[in-house]
C-alpha cells in the first residue's frame, strides 16, 4: 500500500520549483530582460562587491520580482567577511 501511496503522491518540492521557474520566466518576459543580461548583471555585481567584501558567489541569488505596477531587483548575497 505504501508503494501505491508514493506512486500517486504529489511531489510538492518539484511542483514548487517548477512554479518558481515559471514565475521567473514570466517576470523576465514582462521586464524584457534576457537571461544573458541577468547573468551579466550578476557577474558585475559580484566584481564590484568583491572589492569590499568576500562573498559566496555560489550561493548568490539575483532575481527580478514583478508586482502589478513595478519590478524590483532582489539580490541575496552571502557575505563571508568584510575586507579592511
PDB file of N, CA and C in Angstrom:
ATOM      1  N   UNK A   1       0.817  -1.190   0.000  1.00  0.00           N
ATOM      2  CA  UNK A   1       0.000   0.000   0.000  1.00  0.00           C
ATOM      3  C   UNK A   1       0.867   1.262   0.000  1.00  0.00           C
ATOM      4  N   UNK A   2       1.996   1.214   0.708  1.00  0.00           N
ATOM      5  CA  UNK A   2       2.900   2.358   0.761  1.00  0.00           C
ATOM      6  C   UNK A   2       3.420   2.707  -0.633  1.00  0.00           C
ATOM      7  N   UNK A   3       3.702   1.685  -1.429  1.00  0.00           N
ATOM      8  CA  UNK A   3       4.173   1.902  -2.798  1.00  0.00           C
ATOM      9  C   UNK A   3       3.129   2.656  -3.616  1.00  0.00           C
ATOM     10  N   UNK A   4       1.887   2.282  -3.493  1.00  0.00           N
ATOM     11  CA  UNK A   4       0.798   2.932  -4.240  1.00  0.00           C
ATOM     12  C   UNK A   4       0.635   4.371  -3.791  1.00  0.00           C
ATOM     13  N   UNK A   5       0.730   4.610  -2.497  1.00  0.00           N
ATOM     14  CA  UNK A   5       0.634   5.980  -1.989  1.00  0.00           C
ATOM     15  C   UNK A   5       1.757   6.848  -2.526  1.00  0.00           C
ATOM     16  N   UNK A   6       2.981   6.312  -2.544  1.00  0.00           N
ATOM     17  CA  UNK A   6       4.116   7.077  -3.081  1.00  0.00           C
ATOM     18  C   UNK A   6       3.970   7.309  -4.573  1.00  0.00           C
ATOM     19  N   UNK A   7       3.394   6.352  -5.284  1.00  0.00           N
ATOM     20  CA  UNK A   7       3.223   6.457  -6.724  1.00  0.00           C
ATOM     21  C   UNK A   7       2.284   7.598  -7.083  1.00  0.00           C
ATOM     22  N   UNK A   8       1.220   7.761  -6.322  1.00  0.00           N
ATOM     23  CA  UNK A   8       0.219   8.778  -6.639  1.00  0.00           C
ATOM     24  C   UNK A   8       0.348  10.050  -5.813  1.00  0.00           C
ATOM     25  N   UNK A   9       1.310  10.077  -4.919  1.00  0.00           N
ATOM     26  CA  UNK A   9       1.532  11.245  -4.066  1.00  0.00           C
ATOM     27  C   UNK A   9       2.100  12.390  -4.899  1.00  0.00           C
ATOM     28  N   UNK A  10       1.610  13.566  -4.661  1.00  0.00           N
ATOM     29  CA  UNK A  10       2.081  14.752  -5.363  1.00  0.00           C
ATOM     30  C   UNK A  10       3.414  15.196  -4.770  1.00  0.00           C
ATOM     31  N   UNK A  11       4.397  15.396  -5.618  1.00  0.00           N
ATOM     32  CA  UNK A  11       5.721  15.835  -5.178  1.00  0.00           C
ATOM     33  C   UNK A  11       5.697  17.355  -5.062  1.00  0.00           C
ATOM     34  N   UNK A  12       5.452  17.870  -3.858  1.00  0.00           N
ATOM     35  CA  UNK A  12       5.290  19.311  -3.674  1.00  0.00           C
ATOM     36  C   UNK A  12       6.584  20.077  -3.894  1.00  0.00           C
ATOM     37  N   UNK A  13       7.726  19.488  -3.569  1.00  0.00           N
ATOM     38  CA  UNK A  13       9.001  20.183  -3.775  1.00  0.00           C
ATOM     39  C   UNK A  13       9.229  20.423  -5.261  1.00  0.00           C
ATOM     40  N   UNK A  14       9.019  19.421  -6.091  1.00  0.00           N
ATOM     41  CA  UNK A  14       9.191  19.573  -7.538  1.00  0.00           C
ATOM     42  C   UNK A  14       8.163  20.539  -8.103  1.00  0.00           C
ATOM     43  N   UNK A  15       6.949  20.451  -7.603  1.00  0.00           N
ATOM     44  CA  UNK A  15       5.890  21.349  -8.069  1.00  0.00           C
ATOM     45  C   UNK A  15       6.246  22.795  -7.739  1.00  0.00           C
ATOM     46  N   UNK A  16       6.683  23.042  -6.504  1.00  0.00           N
ATOM     47  CA  UNK A  16       7.037  24.402  -6.096  1.00  0.00           C
ATOM     48  C   UNK A  16       8.207  24.939  -6.915  1.00  0.00           C
ATOM     49  N   UNK A  17       9.187  24.085  -7.203  1.00  0.00           N
ATOM     50  CA  UNK A  17      10.334  24.502  -8.004  1.00  0.00           C
ATOM     51  C   UNK A  17       9.887  24.861  -9.426  1.00  0.00           C
ATOM     52  N   UNK A  18       9.005  24.066 -10.001  1.00  0.00           N
ATOM     53  CA  UNK A  18       8.510  24.339 -11.351  1.00  0.00           C
ATOM     54  C   UNK A  18       7.714  25.643 -11.390  1.00  0.00           C
ATOM     55  N   UNK A  19       6.902  25.875 -10.374  1.00  0.00           N
ATOM     56  CA  UNK A  19       6.129  27.111 -10.295  1.00  0.00           C
ATOM     57  C   UNK A  19       7.062  28.312 -10.180  1.00  0.00           C
ATOM     58  N   UNK A  20       8.107  28.207  -9.366  1.00  0.00           N
ATOM     59  CA  UNK A  20       9.069  29.303  -9.209  1.00  0.00           C
ATOM     60  C   UNK A  20       9.801  29.587 -10.517  1.00  0.00           C
ATOM     61  N   UNK A  21      10.209  28.542 -11.219  1.00  0.00           N
ATOM     62  CA  UNK A  21      10.886  28.732 -12.511  1.00  0.00           C
ATOM     63  C   UNK A  21       9.969  29.418 -13.508  1.00  0.00           C
ATOM     64  N   UNK A  22       8.715  28.997 -13.565  1.00  0.00           N
ATOM     65  CA  UNK A  22       7.759  29.619 -14.473  1.00  0.00           C
ATOM     66  C   UNK A  22       7.538  31.082 -14.109  1.00  0.00           C
ATOM     67  N   UNK A  23       7.443  31.365 -12.819  1.00  0.00           N
ATOM     68  CA  UNK A  23       7.262  32.743 -12.364  1.00  0.00           C
ATOM     69  C   UNK A  23       8.446  33.609 -12.793  1.00  0.00           C
ATOM     70  N   UNK A  24       9.663  33.082 -12.648  1.00  0.00           N
ATOM     71  CA  UNK A  24      10.850  33.837 -13.047  1.00  0.00           C
ATOM     72  C   UNK A  24      10.869  34.100 -14.553  1.00  0.00           C
ATOM     73  N   UNK A  25      10.469  33.115 -15.334  1.00  0.00           N
ATOM     74  CA  UNK A  25      10.410  33.297 -16.788  1.00  0.00           C
ATOM     75  C   UNK A  25       9.413  34.393 -17.133  1.00  0.00           C
ATOM     76  N   UNK A  26       8.253  34.379 -16.495  1.00  0.00           N
ATOM     77  CA  UNK A  26       7.242  35.397 -16.753  1.00  0.00           C
ATOM     78  C   UNK A  26       7.711  36.789 -16.346  1.00  0.00           C
ATOM     79  N   UNK A  27       8.382  36.878 -15.201  1.00  0.00           N
ATOM     80  CA  UNK A  27       8.903  38.173 -14.743  1.00  0.00           C
ATOM     81  C   UNK A  27       9.925  38.701 -15.730  1.00  0.00           C
ATOM     82  N   UNK A  28      10.833  37.839 -16.194  1.00  0.00           N
ATOM     83  CA  UNK A  28      11.852  38.267 -17.146  1.00  0.00           C
ATOM     84  C   UNK A  28      11.203  38.733 -18.448  1.00  0.00           C
ATOM     85  N   UNK A  29      10.182  38.020 -18.892  1.00  0.00           N
ATOM     86  CA  UNK A  29       9.489  38.417 -20.113  1.00  0.00           C
ATOM     87  C   UNK A  29       8.801  39.763 -19.951  1.00  0.00           C
ATOM     88  N   UNK A  30       8.112  39.951 -18.833  1.00  0.00           N
ATOM     89  CA  UNK A  30       7.409  41.216 -18.598  1.00  0.00           C
ATOM     90  C   UNK A  30       8.381  42.386 -18.513  1.00  0.00           C
ATOM     91  N   UNK A  31       9.539  42.166 -17.928  1.00  0.00           N
ATOM     92  CA  UNK A  31      10.527  43.235 -17.753  1.00  0.00           C
ATOM     93  C   UNK A  31      11.436  43.365 -18.973  1.00  0.00           C
ATOM     94  N   UNK A  32      11.255  42.500 -19.965  1.00  0.00           N
ATOM     95  CA  UNK A  32      12.085  42.499 -21.177  1.00  0.00           C
ATOM     96  C   UNK A  32      13.564  42.362 -20.846  1.00  0.00           C
ATOM     97  N   UNK A  33      13.892  41.470 -19.921  1.00  0.00           N
ATOM     98  CA  UNK A  33      15.274  41.230 -19.515  1.00  0.00           C
ATOM     99  C   UNK A  33      15.660  39.814 -19.929  1.00  0.00           C
ATOM    100  N   UNK A  34      16.710  39.716 -20.728  1.00  0.00           N
ATOM    101  CA  UNK A  34      17.152  38.399 -21.173  1.00  0.00           C
ATOM    102  C   UNK A  34      17.946  37.697 -20.074  1.00  0.00           C
ATOM    103  N   UNK A  35      18.050  36.398 -20.200  1.00  0.00           N
ATOM    104  CA  UNK A  35      18.832  35.615 -19.242  1.00  0.00           C
ATOM    105  C   UNK A  35      20.291  36.048 -19.274  1.00  0.00           C
ATOM    106  N   UNK A  36      20.806  36.339 -20.478  1.00  0.00           N
ATOM    107  CA  UNK A  36      22.189  36.797 -20.617  1.00  0.00           C
ATOM    108  C   UNK A  36      22.437  38.097 -19.880  1.00  0.00           C
ATOM    109  N   UNK A  37      21.469  39.016 -19.965  1.00  0.00           N
ATOM    110  CA  UNK A  37      21.595  40.294 -19.264  1.00  0.00           C
ATOM    111  C   UNK A  37      21.608  40.078 -17.757  1.00  0.00           C
ATOM    112  N   UNK A  38      20.756  39.187 -17.262  1.00  0.00           N
ATOM    113  CA  UNK A  38      20.741  38.904 -15.830  1.00  0.00           C
ATOM    114  C   UNK A  38      22.058  38.287 -15.376  1.00  0.00           C
ATOM    115  N   UNK A  39      22.631  37.405 -16.172  1.00  0.00           N
ATOM    116  CA  UNK A  39      23.925  36.797 -15.819  1.00  0.00           C
ATOM    117  C   UNK A  39      25.029  37.858 -15.817  1.00  0.00           C
ATOM    118  N   UNK A  40      25.009  38.765 -16.794  1.00  0.00           N
ATOM    119  CA  UNK A  40      25.996  39.850 -16.839  1.00  0.00           C
ATOM    120  C   UNK A  40      25.865  40.752 -15.616  1.00  0.00           C
ATOM    121  N   UNK A  41      24.629  41.071 -15.257  1.00  0.00           N
ATOM    122  CA  UNK A  41      24.373  41.901 -14.091  1.00  0.00           C
ATOM    123  C   UNK A  41      24.900  41.226 -12.830  1.00  0.00           C
ATOM    124  N   UNK A  42      24.629  39.942 -12.697  1.00  0.00           N
ATOM    125  CA  UNK A  42      25.089  39.186 -11.531  1.00  0.00           C
ATOM    126  C   UNK A  42      26.618  39.183 -11.455  1.00  0.00           C
ATOM    127  N   UNK A  43      27.280  38.972 -12.584  1.00  0.00           N
ATOM    128  CA  UNK A  43      28.744  38.941 -12.621  1.00  0.00           C
ATOM    129  C   UNK A  43      29.336  40.305 -12.255  1.00  0.00           C
ATOM    130  N   UNK A  44      28.759  41.379 -12.790  1.00  0.00           N
ATOM    131  CA  UNK A  44      29.263  42.717 -12.478  1.00  0.00           C
ATOM    132  C   UNK A  44      29.032  43.072 -11.013  1.00  0.00           C
ATOM    133  N   UNK A  45      27.881  42.673 -10.464  1.00  0.00           N
ATOM    134  CA  UNK A  45      27.628  42.920  -9.045  1.00  0.00           C
ATOM    135  C   UNK A  45      28.657  42.179  -8.199  1.00  0.00           C
ATOM    136  N   UNK A  46      28.969  40.942  -8.584  1.00  0.00           N
ATOM    137  CA  UNK A  46      29.970  40.150  -7.869  1.00  0.00           C
ATOM    138  C   UNK A  46      31.321  40.864  -7.889  1.00  0.00           C
ATOM    139  N   UNK A  47      31.733  41.377  -9.052  1.00  0.00           N
ATOM    140  CA  UNK A  47      33.028  42.050  -9.179  1.00  0.00           C
ATOM    141  C   UNK A  47      33.095  43.300  -8.306  1.00  0.00           C
ATOM    142  N   UNK A  48      32.040  44.094  -8.318  1.00  0.00           N
ATOM    143  CA  UNK A  48      32.039  45.336  -7.540  1.00  0.00           C
ATOM    144  C   UNK A  48      32.029  45.048  -6.041  1.00  0.00           C
ATOM    145  N   UNK A  49      31.153  44.175  -5.613  1.00  0.00           N
ATOM    146  CA  UNK A  49      31.040  43.882  -4.182  1.00  0.00           C
ATOM    147  C   UNK A  49      32.291  43.180  -3.662  1.00  0.00           C
ATOM    148  N   UNK A  50      32.933  42.387  -4.518  1.00  0.00           N
ATOM    149  CA  UNK A  50      34.149  41.664  -4.113  1.00  0.00           C
ATOM    150  C   UNK A  50      35.300  42.602  -3.776  1.00  0.00           C
ATOM    151  N   UNK A  51      35.250  43.837  -4.221  1.00  0.00           N
ATOM    152  CA  UNK A  51      36.287  44.811  -3.869  1.00  0.00           C
ATOM    153  C   UNK A  51      36.242  45.135  -2.378  1.00  0.00           C
ATOM    154  N   UNK A  52      35.063  45.025  -1.778  1.00  0.00           N
ATOM    155  CA  UNK A  52      34.862  45.439  -0.401  1.00  0.00           C
ATOM    156  C   UNK A  52      34.568  44.289   0.566  1.00  0.00           C
ATOM    157  N   UNK A  53      34.085  43.175   0.017  1.00  0.00           N
ATOM    158  CA  UNK A  53      33.679  42.053   0.860  1.00  0.00           C
ATOM    159  C   UNK A  53      34.043  40.740   0.187  1.00  0.00           C
ATOM    160  N   UNK A  54      34.310  39.741   0.998  1.00  0.00           N
ATOM    161  CA  UNK A  54      34.476  38.393   0.470  1.00  0.00           C
ATOM    162  C   UNK A  54      33.085  37.759   0.495  1.00  0.00           C
ATOM    163  N   UNK A  55      32.582  37.403  -0.685  1.00  0.00           N
ATOM    164  CA  UNK A  55      31.229  36.864  -0.758  1.00  0.00           C
ATOM    165  C   UNK A  55      31.236  35.441  -1.310  1.00  0.00           C
ATOM    166  N   UNK A  56      30.152  34.743  -1.058  1.00  0.00           N
ATOM    167  CA  UNK A  56      29.976  33.370  -1.517  1.00  0.00           C
ATOM    168  C   UNK A  56      29.231  33.412  -2.846  1.00  0.00           C
ATOM    169  N   UNK A  57      29.972  33.399  -3.945  1.00  0.00           N
ATOM    170  CA  UNK A  57      29.357  33.538  -5.273  1.00  0.00           C
ATOM    171  C   UNK A  57      28.446  32.362  -5.619  1.00  0.00           C
ATOM    172  N   UNK A  58      28.771  31.170  -5.120  1.00  0.00           N
ATOM    173  CA  UNK A  58      27.968  30.000  -5.482  1.00  0.00           C
ATOM    174  C   UNK A  58      26.553  30.066  -4.902  1.00  0.00           C
ATOM    175  N   UNK A  59      26.379  30.766  -3.802  1.00  0.00           N
ATOM    176  CA  UNK A  59      25.054  30.892  -3.194  1.00  0.00           C
ATOM    177  C   UNK A  59      24.423  32.260  -3.420  1.00  0.00           C
ATOM    178  N   UNK A  60      25.009  33.053  -4.300  1.00  0.00           N
ATOM    179  CA  UNK A  60      24.497  34.377  -4.622  1.00  0.00           C
ATOM    180  C   UNK A  60      23.268  34.236  -5.519  1.00  0.00           C
ATOM    181  N   UNK A  61      22.191  34.942  -5.169  1.00  0.00           N
ATOM    182  CA  UNK A  61      20.969  34.918  -5.968  1.00  0.00           C
ATOM    183  C   UNK A  61      20.601  36.339  -6.378  1.00  0.00           C
ATOM    184  N   UNK A  62      20.328  36.514  -7.655  1.00  0.00           N
ATOM    185  CA  UNK A  62      19.854  37.793  -8.168  1.00  0.00           C
ATOM    186  C   UNK A  62      18.633  37.492  -9.016  1.00  0.00           C
ATOM    187  N   UNK A  63      17.515  38.157  -8.689  1.00  0.00           N
ATOM    188  CA  UNK A  63      16.299  37.896  -9.444  1.00  0.00           C
ATOM    189  C   UNK A  63      15.441  39.146  -9.524  1.00  0.00           C
ATOM    190  N   UNK A  64      14.518  39.115 -10.456  1.00  0.00           N
ATOM    191  CA  UNK A  64      13.545  40.186 -10.590  1.00  0.00           C
ATOM    192  C   UNK A  64      12.242  39.719  -9.980  1.00  0.00           C
ATOM    193  N   UNK A  65      11.575  40.621  -9.292  1.00  0.00           N
ATOM    194  CA  UNK A  65      10.295  40.321  -8.676  1.00  0.00           C
ATOM    195  C   UNK A  65       9.299  41.357  -9.182  1.00  0.00           C
ATOM    196  N   UNK A  66       8.302  40.914  -9.923  1.00  0.00           N
ATOM    197  CA  UNK A  66       7.353  41.845 -10.532  1.00  0.00           C
ATOM    198  C   UNK A  66       6.081  41.949  -9.719  1.00  0.00           C
ATOM    199  N   UNK A  67       5.674  43.176  -9.502  1.00  0.00           N
ATOM    200  CA  UNK A  67       4.378  43.450  -8.890  1.00  0.00           C
ATOM    201  C   UNK A  67       3.452  43.946  -9.980  1.00  0.00           C
ATOM    202  N   UNK A  68       2.319  44.473  -9.584  1.00  0.00           N
ATOM    203  CA  UNK A  68       1.375  44.979 -10.570  1.00  0.00           C
ATOM    204  C   UNK A  68       1.884  46.238 -11.264  1.00  0.00           C
ATOM    205  N   UNK A  69       2.580  47.087 -10.505  1.00  0.00           N
ATOM    206  CA  UNK A  69       2.993  48.382 -11.051  1.00  0.00           C
ATOM    207  C   UNK A  69       4.498  48.566 -11.191  1.00  0.00           C
ATOM    208  N   UNK A  70       5.278  47.670 -10.608  1.00  0.00           N
ATOM    209  CA  UNK A  70       6.726  47.853 -10.667  1.00  0.00           C
ATOM    210  C   UNK A  70       7.450  46.521 -10.636  1.00  0.00           C
ATOM    211  N   UNK A  71       8.725  46.565 -10.984  1.00  0.00           N
ATOM    212  CA  UNK A  71       9.589  45.395 -10.931  1.00  0.00           C
ATOM    213  C   UNK A  71      10.754  45.726 -10.023  1.00  0.00           C
ATOM    214  N   UNK A  72      11.102  44.797  -9.131  1.00  0.00           N
ATOM    215  CA  UNK A  72      12.195  45.015  -8.183  1.00  0.00           C
ATOM    216  C   UNK A  72      13.318  44.021  -8.457  1.00  0.00           C
ATOM    217  N   UNK A  73      14.540  44.497  -8.352  1.00  0.00           N
ATOM    218  CA  UNK A  73      15.715  43.640  -8.426  1.00  0.00           C
ATOM    219  C   UNK A  73      16.047  43.226  -7.005  1.00  0.00           C
ATOM    220  N   UNK A  74      16.079  41.921  -6.766  1.00  0.00           N
ATOM    221  CA  UNK A  74      16.345  41.407  -5.428  1.00  0.00           C
ATOM    222  C   UNK A  74      17.640  40.603  -5.479  1.00  0.00           C
ATOM    223  N   UNK A  75      18.582  40.966  -4.612  1.00  0.00           N
ATOM    224  CA  UNK A  75      19.867  40.276  -4.561  1.00  0.00           C
ATOM    225  C   UNK A  75      20.077  39.712  -3.162  1.00  0.00           C
ATOM    226  N   UNK A  76      20.362  38.425  -3.107  1.00  0.00           N
ATOM    227  CA  UNK A  76      20.704  37.763  -1.853  1.00  0.00           C
ATOM    228  C   UNK A  76      22.159  37.335  -1.995  1.00  0.00           C
ATOM    229  N   UNK A  77      23.053  38.046  -1.309  1.00  0.00           N
ATOM    230  CA  UNK A  77      24.492  37.856  -1.477  1.00  0.00           C
ATOM    231  C   UNK A  77      25.114  37.507  -0.126  1.00  0.00           C
ATOM    232  N   UNK A  78      25.435  36.235   0.094  1.00  0.00           N
ATOM    233  CA  UNK A  78      26.053  35.836   1.367  1.00  0.00           C
ATOM    234  C   UNK A  78      27.450  36.435   1.520  1.00  0.00           C
ATOM    235  N   UNK A  79      27.683  37.141   2.616  1.00  0.00           N
ATOM    236  CA  UNK A  79      28.966  37.776   2.892  1.00  0.00           C
ATOM    237  C   UNK A  79      29.754  36.897   3.848  1.00  0.00           C
ATOM    238  N   UNK A  80      30.976  36.525   3.436  1.00  0.00           N
ATOM    239  CA  UNK A  80      31.846  35.718   4.298  1.00  0.00           C
ATOM    240  C   UNK A  80      32.593  36.609   5.280  1.00  0.00           C
ATOM    241  N   UNK A  81      33.115  37.726   4.781  1.00  0.00           N
ATOM    242  CA  UNK A  81      33.816  38.671   5.657  1.00  0.00           C
ATOM    243  C   UNK A  81      33.955  40.018   4.945  1.00  0.00           C
ATOM    244  N   UNK A  82      34.132  41.061   5.737  1.00  0.00           N
ATOM    245  CA  UNK A  82      34.354  42.406   5.218  1.00  0.00           C
ATOM    246  C   UNK A  82      35.848  42.606   5.062  1.00  0.00           C
ATOM    247  N   UNK A  83      36.260  43.158   3.931  1.00  0.00           N
ATOM    248  CA  UNK A  83      37.669  43.458   3.715  1.00  0.00           C
ATOM    249  C   UNK A  83      37.994  44.788   4.355  1.00  0.00           C
ATOM    250  N   UNK A  84      39.097  44.863   5.056  1.00  0.00           N
ATOM    251  CA  UNK A  84      39.513  46.096   5.729  1.00  0.00           C
ATOM    252  C   UNK A  84      40.631  46.766   4.970  1.00  0.00           C
TER     253      UNK A  84
END
